[in-house]
Amino acid sequence: MNISIPSLLKKLIARKDLTEDEAFESIHGMLSGEFTEGQIGAFLGTLSAKGETIDEIAGAARAMRAAATRLQSLVHDTLDTVGTGGDGGMTFNISTTVAFVAAGAGAVVAKHGNRASSGKSGSADCLECLGFNLAAAPELMEQALNEIGIAFMFAPSFHKAMRFAGPVRKQMGVRTLFNLLGPLTNPAGAPCQLLGVFAPELTETFAEVLKKLGSRRVLVVHGHDGMDEITLTTTTRCSELKDGRIKTYDIDPAPYFEGYCTNEELEGGAPADNALITRGILEGKIQGPKRNIVLLNSAASLLAANRCADLAEGIRQSAHAIDSGAALDKLEKLVAFSKS
């Protein structure tokens, strides 16, 4: 590491921003075992207190991407449906369900996720209850992505260098830079994303970071009810990166589904409960708001992957993916692949 750790800490304590290269070197050093646990905690704490800049997040994401086990996709517009978590909501696993619907509609989906950091059920918890083998090797998931059009990349299997920082994060018990990095460090380098964030001010920040990182088309969303998804209870703030330009606007679900729903109608529970909801939606047995929020978010993900012209078309494609059995087929094939 070319930068002294004490000098970095002094800079952060003085509330001075790091350059993108300094952020890269810092996280690279951390993931290489060059920081002590005390230094990791001090770095993350002082950076969080100062507030992370676009350059700092981008530099850190580049370092984490460089340290990850890579997965090679053969498709130009590979898609990820992911959220930061931390919104405090108790919804079912919406973005996980969306991944199968989008794949059923023709997108190639490299879903990146982990166990719960907030709420009751992370994507990995839900998928495990659906029968997915979390111990599936990265090379097996690369094969799945390119043969069946969907893969799940369990973060600990692809980001092994996090073993140095992981224990400190748990001990700190507060949100840090690493809570922001998960959605920015897809091991397949998915250039298309539907990305949910826990705070409205982060939609443009994440879009700017992903622009720096070379993403092609991304919809970064935050529901005005606090959800890190496109919500059905009210409108959703969306910052869209397309062709190198970012525009921010609101998405209103009411025209597509004849009004809004309540938070209670979108609630999930423990991982096993959420797995039943996901399967019920994919089997076409669950109708109403839970299906509708999946349709809307799937439509937005298809838009990000350039598979539809607008949300209305994306909703129709998503409904067909469920009703034809294509979405359920993607789930069953991925589960079987993970055990092969």
Protein backbone atom coordinates (compact mmCIF):
# COMPACT_ATOMS: atom_id res chain seq x y z
CA MET A 1 0.00 0.00 0.00
CA ASN A 2 1.43 3.36 -1.09
CA ILE A 3 -0.43 5.51 1.45
CA SER A 4 0.21 5.51 5.20
CA ILE A 5 -2.78 4.47 7.25
CA PRO A 6 -2.28 7.18 9.94
CA SER A 7 -2.21 9.89 7.25
CA LEU A 8 -5.52 8.63 5.84
CA LEU A 9 -7.11 8.63 9.29
CA LYS A 10 -5.83 12.15 10.03
CA LYS A 11 -7.34 13.36 6.76
CA LEU A 12 -10.72 11.81 7.56
CA ILE A 13 -10.72 13.09 11.14
CA ALA A 14 -10.17 16.58 9.67
CA ARG A 15 -13.27 15.87 7.51
CA LYS A 16 -11.28 16.08 4.28
CA ASP A 17 -12.42 14.01 1.31
CA LEU A 18 -10.26 11.24 -0.12
CA THR A 19 -9.50 11.09 -3.82
CA GLU A 20 -10.83 8.13 -5.80
CA ASP A 21 -7.32 6.64 -5.88
CA GLU A 22 -6.89 7.08 -2.12
CA ALA A 23 -10.19 5.29 -1.54
CA PHE A 24 -9.10 2.50 -3.89
CA GLU A 25 -5.76 2.10 -2.10
CA SER A 26 -7.46 2.14 1.30
CA ILE A 27 -9.95 -0.62 0.52
CA HIS A 28 -7.33 -2.58 -1.42
CA GLY A 29 -5.09 -2.46 1.65
CA MET A 30 -7.95 -3.44 3.92
CA LEU A 31 -8.87 -6.43 1.75
CA SER A 32 -5.21 -7.47 1.55
CA GLY A 33 -4.89 -7.70 5.33
CA GLU A 34 -2.69 -4.60 5.68
CA PHE A 35 -5.03 -2.88 8.19
CA THR A 36 -5.44 -4.00 11.80
CA GLU A 37 -9.01 -4.45 13.04
CA GLY A 38 -8.65 -1.23 15.01
CA GLN A 39 -7.56 0.66 11.90
CA ILE A 40 -10.44 -0.81 9.86
CA GLY A 41 -12.95 0.31 12.50
CA ALA A 42 -11.41 3.78 12.73
CA PHE A 43 -11.35 4.19 8.94
CA LEU A 44 -14.95 3.09 8.44
CA GLY A 45 -16.21 5.12 11.39
CA THR A 46 -14.50 8.38 10.47
CA LEU A 47 -15.44 8.02 6.80
CA SER A 48 -19.08 7.41 7.72
CA ALA A 49 -19.12 10.39 10.10
CA LYS A 50 -17.71 12.64 7.37
CA GLY A 51 -20.04 11.23 4.73
CA GLU A 52 -18.91 9.23 1.70
CA THR A 53 -18.43 11.11 -1.59
CA ILE A 54 -19.05 9.80 -5.10
CA ASP A 55 -15.29 9.50 -5.71
CA GLU A 56 -14.75 7.64 -2.44
CA ILE A 57 -17.55 5.16 -3.14
CA ALA A 58 -16.36 4.62 -6.72
CA GLY A 59 -12.75 4.05 -5.65
CA ALA A 60 -13.81 1.61 -2.94
CA ALA A 61 -16.07 -0.26 -5.37
CA ARG A 62 -13.22 -0.57 -7.89
CA ALA A 63 -11.00 -2.09 -5.19
CA MET A 64 -13.66 -4.56 -4.12
CA ARG A 65 -14.37 -5.54 -7.74
CA ALA A 66 -10.65 -6.11 -8.31
CA ALA A 67 -10.46 -8.43 -5.30
CA ALA A 68 -13.58 -10.44 -6.20
CA THR A 69 -13.80 -13.83 -7.87
CA ARG A 70 -15.04 -12.90 -11.34
CA LEU A 71 -17.84 -14.54 -13.28
CA GLN A 72 -17.77 -14.24 -17.07
CA SER A 73 -21.07 -13.55 -18.82
CA LEU A 74 -21.37 -14.14 -22.55
CA VAL A 75 -24.19 -11.59 -22.81
CA HIS A 76 -23.82 -7.84 -23.40
CA ASP A 77 -26.76 -6.67 -21.24
CA THR A 78 -26.44 -8.87 -18.15
CA LEU A 79 -28.82 -7.69 -15.42
CA ASP A 80 -28.73 -7.54 -11.62
CA THR A 81 -31.74 -6.84 -9.39
CA VAL A 82 -30.39 -5.75 -6.04
CA GLY A 83 -30.87 -3.44 -3.08
CA THR A 84 -28.78 -1.94 -0.32
CA GLY A 85 -31.20 -3.17 2.33
CA GLY A 86 -31.36 -1.11 5.47
CA ASP A 87 -34.73 0.43 4.66
CA GLY A 88 -36.26 -1.02 7.82
CA GLY A 89 -39.12 -2.56 5.86
CA MET A 90 -40.50 -6.03 6.44
CA THR A 91 -41.50 -6.83 2.87
CA PHE A 92 -41.03 -10.22 1.26
CA ASN A 93 -38.00 -10.78 -1.00
CA ILE A 94 -39.17 -8.66 -3.92
CA SER A 95 -35.92 -8.26 -5.88
CA THR A 96 -35.20 -12.00 -5.56
CA THR A 97 -38.61 -12.87 -7.00
CA VAL A 98 -38.11 -10.24 -9.71
CA ALA A 99 -34.87 -11.93 -10.79
CA PHE A 100 -36.76 -15.07 -11.84
CA VAL A 101 -39.54 -13.14 -13.56
CA ALA A 102 -37.07 -11.01 -15.53
CA ALA A 103 -35.14 -14.14 -16.49
CA GLY A 104 -38.39 -15.80 -17.53
CA ALA A 105 -39.06 -12.78 -19.74
CA GLY A 106 -35.72 -13.22 -21.52
CA ALA A 107 -33.19 -11.18 -19.56
CA VAL A 108 -29.91 -12.79 -18.50
CA VAL A 109 -29.77 -12.25 -14.74
CA ALA A 110 -26.65 -12.38 -12.56
CA LYS A 111 -28.22 -11.91 -9.12
CA HIS A 112 -25.79 -10.87 -6.40
CA GLY A 113 -26.85 -11.18 -2.78
CA ASN A 114 -26.24 -12.19 0.80
CA ARG A 115 -27.95 -13.13 4.01
CA ALA A 116 -30.01 -10.49 5.79
CA SER A 117 -28.23 -7.41 7.07
CA SER A 118 -31.59 -5.83 7.91
CA GLY A 119 -35.13 -7.12 8.05
CA LYS A 120 -35.74 -10.82 8.50
CA SER A 121 -34.71 -12.32 5.20
CA GLY A 122 -31.94 -11.63 2.71
CA SER A 123 -31.94 -13.01 -0.82
CA ALA A 124 -29.64 -15.86 0.22
CA ASP A 125 -31.90 -16.80 3.14
CA CYS A 126 -34.93 -16.93 0.87
CA LEU A 127 -33.17 -18.90 -1.89
CA GLU A 128 -31.82 -21.40 0.61
CA CYS A 129 -35.39 -22.09 1.72
CA LEU A 130 -36.34 -22.57 -1.95
CA GLY A 131 -33.72 -25.31 -2.19
CA PHE A 132 -30.76 -23.41 -3.62
CA ASN A 133 -27.34 -24.69 -2.56
CA LEU A 134 -25.43 -21.68 -1.21
CA ALA A 135 -22.20 -23.69 -1.38
CA ALA A 136 -22.42 -23.89 -5.19
CA ALA A 137 -19.00 -23.10 -6.65
CA PRO A 138 -18.47 -19.87 -8.64
CA GLU A 139 -17.60 -21.84 -11.78
CA LEU A 140 -20.92 -23.69 -11.50
CA MET A 141 -22.79 -20.39 -11.32
CA GLU A 142 -20.89 -19.11 -14.36
CA GLN A 143 -22.07 -22.21 -16.21
CA ALA A 144 -25.64 -21.63 -15.00
CA LEU A 145 -25.61 -18.01 -16.15
CA ASN A 146 -24.50 -18.91 -19.64
CA GLU A 147 -26.63 -22.05 -20.02
CA ILE A 148 -29.94 -21.26 -18.29
CA GLY A 149 -29.79 -17.46 -18.21
CA ILE A 150 -29.73 -16.93 -14.44
CA ALA A 151 -27.23 -17.32 -11.61
CA PHE A 152 -27.09 -16.44 -7.93
CA MET A 153 -23.75 -15.19 -6.65
CA PHE A 154 -23.62 -15.63 -2.87
CA ALA A 155 -21.44 -12.73 -1.75
CA PRO A 156 -19.16 -14.63 0.70
CA SER A 157 -18.24 -17.11 -2.07
CA PHE A 158 -17.17 -14.32 -4.43
CA HIS A 159 -15.72 -11.76 -1.99
CA LYS A 160 -13.42 -13.91 0.13
CA ALA A 161 -11.15 -10.94 0.88
CA MET A 162 -13.98 -9.54 3.01
CA ARG A 163 -12.83 -11.94 5.73
CA PHE A 164 -10.56 -9.16 7.00
CA ALA A 165 -13.28 -6.50 7.27
CA GLY A 166 -16.34 -8.67 7.94
CA PRO A 167 -15.79 -9.25 11.68
CA VAL A 168 -15.20 -5.53 12.29
CA ARG A 169 -18.42 -4.62 10.48
CA LYS A 170 -20.38 -6.95 12.75
CA GLN A 171 -18.69 -5.60 15.87
CA MET A 172 -19.40 -1.99 14.87
CA GLY A 173 -23.11 -2.64 14.44
CA VAL A 174 -23.69 0.55 12.43
CA ARG A 175 -24.01 1.30 8.74
CA THR A 176 -20.66 1.78 6.99
CA LEU A 177 -19.20 2.13 3.51
CA PHE A 178 -19.56 -1.62 2.99
CA ASN A 179 -23.36 -1.34 3.20
CA LEU A 180 -23.13 0.76 0.04
CA LEU A 181 -20.68 -1.46 -1.83
CA GLY A 182 -22.65 -4.72 -2.15
CA PRO A 183 -24.87 -3.54 -5.04
CA LEU A 184 -21.85 -1.91 -6.74
CA THR A 185 -19.63 -5.01 -6.80
CA ASN A 186 -21.49 -7.58 -8.91
CA PRO A 187 -18.94 -10.33 -9.69
CA ALA A 188 -20.28 -10.67 -13.24
CA GLY A 189 -19.83 -6.93 -13.78
CA ALA A 190 -23.52 -6.67 -14.74
CA PRO A 191 -23.77 -3.37 -16.66
CA CYS A 192 -27.57 -3.21 -16.28
CA GLN A 193 -29.24 -2.92 -12.89
CA LEU A 194 -32.42 -2.21 -11.02
CA LEU A 195 -30.91 -1.01 -7.75
CA GLY A 196 -32.85 -0.05 -4.63
CA VAL A 197 -31.35 2.28 -2.01
CA PHE A 198 -32.31 3.07 1.60
CA ALA A 199 -32.34 6.88 1.31
CA PRO A 200 -33.68 9.28 -1.37
CA GLU A 201 -30.44 11.27 -1.64
CA LEU A 202 -28.60 8.09 -2.69
CA THR A 203 -30.43 7.62 -6.00
CA GLU A 204 -28.36 10.23 -7.83
CA THR A 205 -25.21 9.35 -5.87
CA PHE A 206 -25.38 5.70 -6.93
CA ALA A 207 -26.21 6.64 -10.52
CA GLU A 208 -23.13 8.89 -10.61
CA VAL A 209 -20.95 6.17 -9.09
CA LEU A 210 -22.17 3.58 -11.59
CA LYS A 211 -21.56 6.02 -14.43
CA LYS A 212 -17.94 6.28 -13.25
CA LEU A 213 -17.73 2.49 -13.08
CA GLY A 214 -18.91 2.09 -16.68
CA SER A 215 -22.48 0.83 -16.26
CA ARG A 216 -24.69 1.13 -19.33
CA ARG A 217 -28.24 1.42 -18.04
CA VAL A 218 -29.32 1.54 -14.42
CA LEU A 219 -32.47 2.52 -12.56
CA VAL A 220 -31.66 3.50 -8.96
CA VAL A 221 -34.86 3.67 -6.93
CA HIS A 222 -36.17 4.67 -3.51
CA GLY A 223 -39.85 4.54 -2.61
CA HIS A 224 -41.23 7.66 -0.96
CA ASP A 225 -42.51 5.30 1.75
CA GLY A 226 -38.87 4.39 2.51
CA MET A 227 -38.76 1.12 0.58
CA ASP A 228 -35.62 0.16 -1.38
CA GLU A 229 -37.83 -1.03 -4.25
CA ILE A 230 -40.34 0.59 -6.58
CA THR A 231 -43.24 0.66 -4.16
CA LEU A 232 -46.98 0.31 -4.68
CA THR A 233 -48.00 2.39 -1.65
CA THR A 234 -47.00 5.75 -3.17
CA THR A 235 -44.60 7.15 -5.79
CA THR A 236 -40.92 6.19 -6.12
CA ARG A 237 -37.90 8.39 -6.81
CA CYS A 238 -35.83 7.04 -9.72
CA SER A 239 -32.45 8.21 -11.02
CA GLU A 240 -31.90 6.58 -14.40
CA LEU A 241 -28.49 6.27 -16.05
CA LYS A 242 -28.82 5.81 -19.80
CA ASP A 243 -26.33 6.61 -22.56
CA GLY A 244 -24.04 8.36 -20.07
CA ARG A 245 -26.77 10.74 -18.87
CA ILE A 246 -28.68 10.74 -15.60
CA LYS A 247 -32.24 11.95 -15.17
CA THR A 248 -34.30 11.83 -11.99
CA TYR A 249 -38.07 11.46 -11.94
CA ASP A 250 -40.91 9.83 -10.02
CA ILE A 251 -42.56 6.52 -10.92
CA ASP A 252 -46.27 6.39 -10.07
CA PRO A 253 -47.71 2.85 -9.87
CA ALA A 254 -51.33 4.00 -9.74
CA PRO A 255 -51.96 4.15 -13.52
CA TYR A 256 -50.81 0.54 -13.93
CA PHE A 257 -52.67 -1.02 -10.99
CA GLU A 258 -55.69 1.22 -10.33
CA GLY A 259 -54.39 2.95 -7.24
CA TYR A 260 -52.10 2.21 -4.33
CA CYS A 261 -51.91 -0.55 -1.74
CA THR A 262 -50.99 -0.59 1.97
CA ASN A 263 -47.66 -1.55 3.51
CA GLU A 264 -49.36 -4.49 5.22
CA GLU A 265 -50.29 -5.99 1.85
CA LEU A 266 -46.59 -6.24 0.93
CA GLU A 267 -45.35 -7.74 4.20
CA GLY A 268 -43.27 -10.87 4.38
CA GLY A 269 -41.84 -12.75 7.30
CA ALA A 270 -39.14 -15.27 8.06
CA PRO A 271 -37.13 -16.75 5.16
CA ALA A 272 -39.39 -19.81 4.94
CA ASP A 273 -42.48 -17.57 4.75
CA ASN A 274 -40.90 -15.43 2.06
CA ALA A 275 -39.88 -18.50 0.08
CA LEU A 276 -43.53 -19.59 0.05
CA ILE A 277 -44.55 -16.12 -1.19
CA THR A 278 -41.94 -16.19 -3.96
CA ARG A 279 -43.00 -19.66 -5.08
CA GLY A 280 -46.67 -18.70 -4.85
CA ILE A 281 -46.13 -15.69 -7.11
CA LEU A 282 -44.07 -17.68 -9.62
CA GLU A 283 -46.70 -20.45 -9.66
CA GLY A 284 -49.41 -17.86 -10.37
CA LYS A 285 -51.25 -18.70 -7.14
CA ILE A 286 -50.71 -15.32 -5.47
CA GLN A 287 -52.47 -12.36 -7.09
CA GLY A 288 -52.99 -8.75 -5.99
CA PRO A 289 -50.40 -6.34 -4.55
CA LYS A 290 -47.61 -8.89 -3.99
CA ARG A 291 -47.76 -10.04 -7.61
CA ASN A 292 -48.21 -6.46 -8.82
CA ILE A 293 -45.11 -5.10 -7.07
CA VAL A 294 -43.10 -7.92 -8.63
CA LEU A 295 -44.54 -7.10 -12.06
CA LEU A 296 -43.66 -3.40 -11.72
CA ASN A 297 -40.12 -4.02 -10.50
CA SER A 298 -39.58 -6.71 -13.11
CA ALA A 299 -40.75 -4.26 -15.77
CA ALA A 300 -38.19 -1.71 -14.55
CA SER A 301 -35.46 -4.34 -14.61
CA LEU A 302 -36.40 -5.30 -18.18
CA LEU A 303 -36.21 -1.60 -19.06
CA ALA A 304 -32.69 -1.48 -17.57
CA ALA A 305 -31.73 -4.53 -19.64
CA ASN A 306 -33.16 -2.95 -22.81
CA ARG A 307 -35.76 -5.71 -23.14
CA CYS A 308 -38.80 -3.43 -23.36
CA ALA A 309 -39.70 0.07 -24.52
CA ASP A 310 -41.56 1.22 -21.41
CA LEU A 311 -42.98 0.03 -18.09
CA ALA A 312 -46.36 -0.92 -19.56
CA GLU A 313 -44.71 -3.29 -22.04
CA GLY A 314 -42.43 -4.62 -19.30
CA ILE A 315 -45.44 -5.38 -17.08
CA ARG A 316 -47.07 -7.34 -19.91
CA GLN A 317 -43.86 -9.30 -20.54
CA SER A 318 -43.48 -10.01 -16.82
CA ALA A 319 -47.07 -11.20 -16.47
CA HIS A 320 -46.56 -13.54 -19.42
CA ALA A 321 -43.35 -14.89 -17.86
CA ILE A 322 -45.32 -15.88 -14.76
CA ASP A 323 -48.50 -17.08 -16.49
CA SER A 324 -46.59 -19.18 -19.04
CA GLY A 325 -44.55 -20.92 -16.32
CA ALA A 326 -41.27 -19.50 -17.67
CA ALA A 327 -40.38 -17.69 -14.42
CA LEU A 328 -41.00 -20.79 -12.27
CA ASP A 329 -38.95 -22.84 -14.71
CA LYS A 330 -35.97 -20.52 -14.15
CA LEU A 331 -36.22 -21.07 -10.38
CA GLU A 332 -36.42 -24.84 -10.70
CA LYS A 333 -33.54 -25.00 -13.17
CA LEU A 334 -31.31 -22.79 -11.00
CA VAL A 335 -32.02 -24.84 -7.86
CA ALA A 336 -31.25 -28.06 -9.75
CA PHE A 337 -28.08 -26.54 -11.23
CA SER A 338 -26.84 -25.47 -7.79
CA LYS A 339 -26.96 -29.09 -6.62
CA SER A 340 -25.31 -30.64 -9.69
